[in-house]
Amino acid sequence: MKRQTLRKLTVAFKAVEKDVSPRVAELAAKSSTGQLSEEEQAEYARIVQLNALLSLLKLQTQAHPTPLSVAR
């Protein structure tokens, strides 16, 4: 991936994280006390899966950065 694309992705991830952080905190608190509805459990599971996937993507891009000299 080009560095510009990675920067754009990083900005987008931070914006999404800022928007969903309150909801994630709410779901985490309810999960800790066993108060999640079935719908909330599914939502929380999707968020956890997405977070894991994004973490892997981030690790991959850090481990295999695209050299700046590669032209497209």
C-alpha atoms as a PDB file:
ATOM      1  CA  MET A   1       0.000   0.000   0.000  1.00  0.00           C
ATOM      2  CA  LYS A   2       1.127   3.504  -0.665  1.00  0.00           C
ATOM      3  CA  ARG A   3       1.970   5.637   2.335  1.00  0.00           C
ATOM      4  CA  GLN A   4      -0.721   8.138   1.346  1.00  0.00           C
ATOM      5  CA  THR A   5      -3.318   5.363   1.396  1.00  0.00           C
ATOM      6  CA  LEU A   6      -2.083   4.186   4.791  1.00  0.00           C
ATOM      7  CA  ARG A   7      -2.329   7.728   6.152  1.00  0.00           C
ATOM      8  CA  LYS A   8      -5.889   8.023   4.881  1.00  0.00           C
ATOM      9  CA  LEU A   9      -6.790   4.671   6.443  1.00  0.00           C
ATOM     10  CA  THR A  10      -5.253   5.718   9.744  1.00  0.00           C
ATOM     11  CA  VAL A  11      -7.261   8.949   9.772  1.00  0.00           C
ATOM     12  CA  ALA A  12     -10.438   7.040   8.908  1.00  0.00           C
ATOM     13  CA  PHE A  13      -9.826   4.422  11.622  1.00  0.00           C
ATOM     14  CA  LYS A  14      -9.281   7.149  14.227  1.00  0.00           C
ATOM     15  CA  ALA A  15     -12.483   8.920  13.197  1.00  0.00           C
ATOM     16  CA  VAL A  16     -14.507   5.711  13.399  1.00  0.00           C
ATOM     17  CA  GLU A  17     -12.915   4.801  16.722  1.00  0.00           C
ATOM     18  CA  LYS A  18     -13.833   8.214  18.134  1.00  0.00           C
ATOM     19  CA  ASP A  19     -17.426   7.810  16.949  1.00  0.00           C
ATOM     20  CA  VAL A  20     -17.929   4.272  18.308  1.00  0.00           C
ATOM     21  CA  SER A  21     -15.882   4.490  21.512  1.00  0.00           C
ATOM     22  CA  PRO A  22     -18.827   5.505  23.706  1.00  0.00           C
ATOM     23  CA  ARG A  23     -20.926   2.641  22.331  1.00  0.00           C
ATOM     24  CA  VAL A  24     -18.104   0.131  22.781  1.00  0.00           C
ATOM     25  CA  ALA A  25     -17.616   1.293  26.374  1.00  0.00           C
ATOM     26  CA  GLU A  26     -21.353   0.908  27.000  1.00  0.00           C
ATOM     27  CA  LEU A  27     -21.419  -2.594  25.515  1.00  0.00           C
ATOM     28  CA  ALA A  28     -18.286  -3.611  27.442  1.00  0.00           C
ATOM     29  CA  ALA A  29     -19.807  -2.452  30.729  1.00  0.00           C
ATOM     30  CA  LYS A  30     -23.056  -4.284  30.050  1.00  0.00           C
ATOM     31  CA  SER A  31     -21.125  -7.381  28.987  1.00  0.00           C
ATOM     32  CA  SER A  32     -19.154  -7.363  32.230  1.00  0.00           C
ATOM     33  CA  THR A  33     -22.369  -7.414  34.228  1.00  0.00           C
ATOM     34  CA  GLY A  34     -24.174  -9.893  31.973  1.00  0.00           C
ATOM     35  CA  GLN A  35     -26.785  -7.351  30.874  1.00  0.00           C
ATOM     36  CA  LEU A  36     -26.388  -7.504  27.074  1.00  0.00           C
ATOM     37  CA  SER A  37     -29.430  -8.330  24.996  1.00  0.00           C
ATOM     38  CA  GLU A  38     -29.021 -10.870  22.195  1.00  0.00           C
ATOM     39  CA  GLU A  39     -28.843  -8.020  19.674  1.00  0.00           C
ATOM     40  CA  GLU A  40     -26.188  -6.226  21.730  1.00  0.00           C
ATOM     41  CA  GLN A  41     -24.197  -9.445  22.111  1.00  0.00           C
ATOM     42  CA  ALA A  42     -24.127  -9.824  18.325  1.00  0.00           C
ATOM     43  CA  GLU A  43     -23.158  -6.160  17.888  1.00  0.00           C
ATOM     44  CA  TYR A  44     -20.381  -6.442  20.482  1.00  0.00           C
ATOM     45  CA  ALA A  45     -19.076  -9.654  18.888  1.00  0.00           C
ATOM     46  CA  ARG A  46     -18.923  -7.933  15.473  1.00  0.00           C
ATOM     47  CA  ILE A  47     -17.026  -4.993  16.971  1.00  0.00           C
ATOM     48  CA  VAL A  48     -14.527  -7.331  18.651  1.00  0.00           C
ATOM     49  CA  GLN A  49     -14.021  -9.249  15.388  1.00  0.00           C
ATOM     50  CA  LEU A  50     -13.576  -6.036  13.407  1.00  0.00           C
ATOM     51  CA  ASN A  51     -11.092  -4.729  15.945  1.00  0.00           C
ATOM     52  CA  ALA A  52      -9.061  -7.940  15.683  1.00  0.00           C
ATOM     53  CA  LEU A  53      -9.100  -7.745  11.880  1.00  0.00           C
ATOM     54  CA  LEU A  54      -8.028  -4.089  11.890  1.00  0.00           C
ATOM     55  CA  SER A  55      -5.220  -4.892  14.333  1.00  0.00           C
ATOM     56  CA  LEU A  56      -3.954  -7.615  12.022  1.00  0.00           C
ATOM     57  CA  LEU A  57      -4.117  -5.289   9.032  1.00  0.00           C
ATOM     58  CA  LYS A  58      -2.188  -2.654  10.945  1.00  0.00           C
ATOM     59  CA  LEU A  59       0.479  -5.199  11.950  1.00  0.00           C
ATOM     60  CA  GLN A  60       0.807  -6.382   8.354  1.00  0.00           C
ATOM     61  CA  THR A  61       1.305  -2.879   7.024  1.00  0.00           C
ATOM     62  CA  GLN A  62       3.900  -2.156   9.693  1.00  0.00           C
ATOM     63  CA  ALA A  63       5.749  -5.404   9.001  1.00  0.00           C
ATOM     64  CA  HIS A  64       5.728  -4.975   5.207  1.00  0.00           C
ATOM     65  CA  PRO A  65       5.847  -1.278   4.383  1.00  0.00           C
ATOM     66  CA  THR A  66       5.882  -0.345   0.725  1.00  0.00           C
ATOM     67  CA  PRO A  67       9.201   1.238  -0.268  1.00  0.00           C
ATOM     68  CA  LEU A  68       8.851   4.852  -1.323  1.00  0.00           C
ATOM     69  CA  SER A  69      10.838   4.198  -4.498  1.00  0.00           C
ATOM     70  CA  VAL A  70       8.144   1.936  -5.962  1.00  0.00           C
ATOM     71  CA  ALA A  71       6.239   3.877  -8.599  1.00  0.00           C
ATOM     72  CA  ARG A  72       2.768   3.055  -9.870  1.00  0.00           C
END
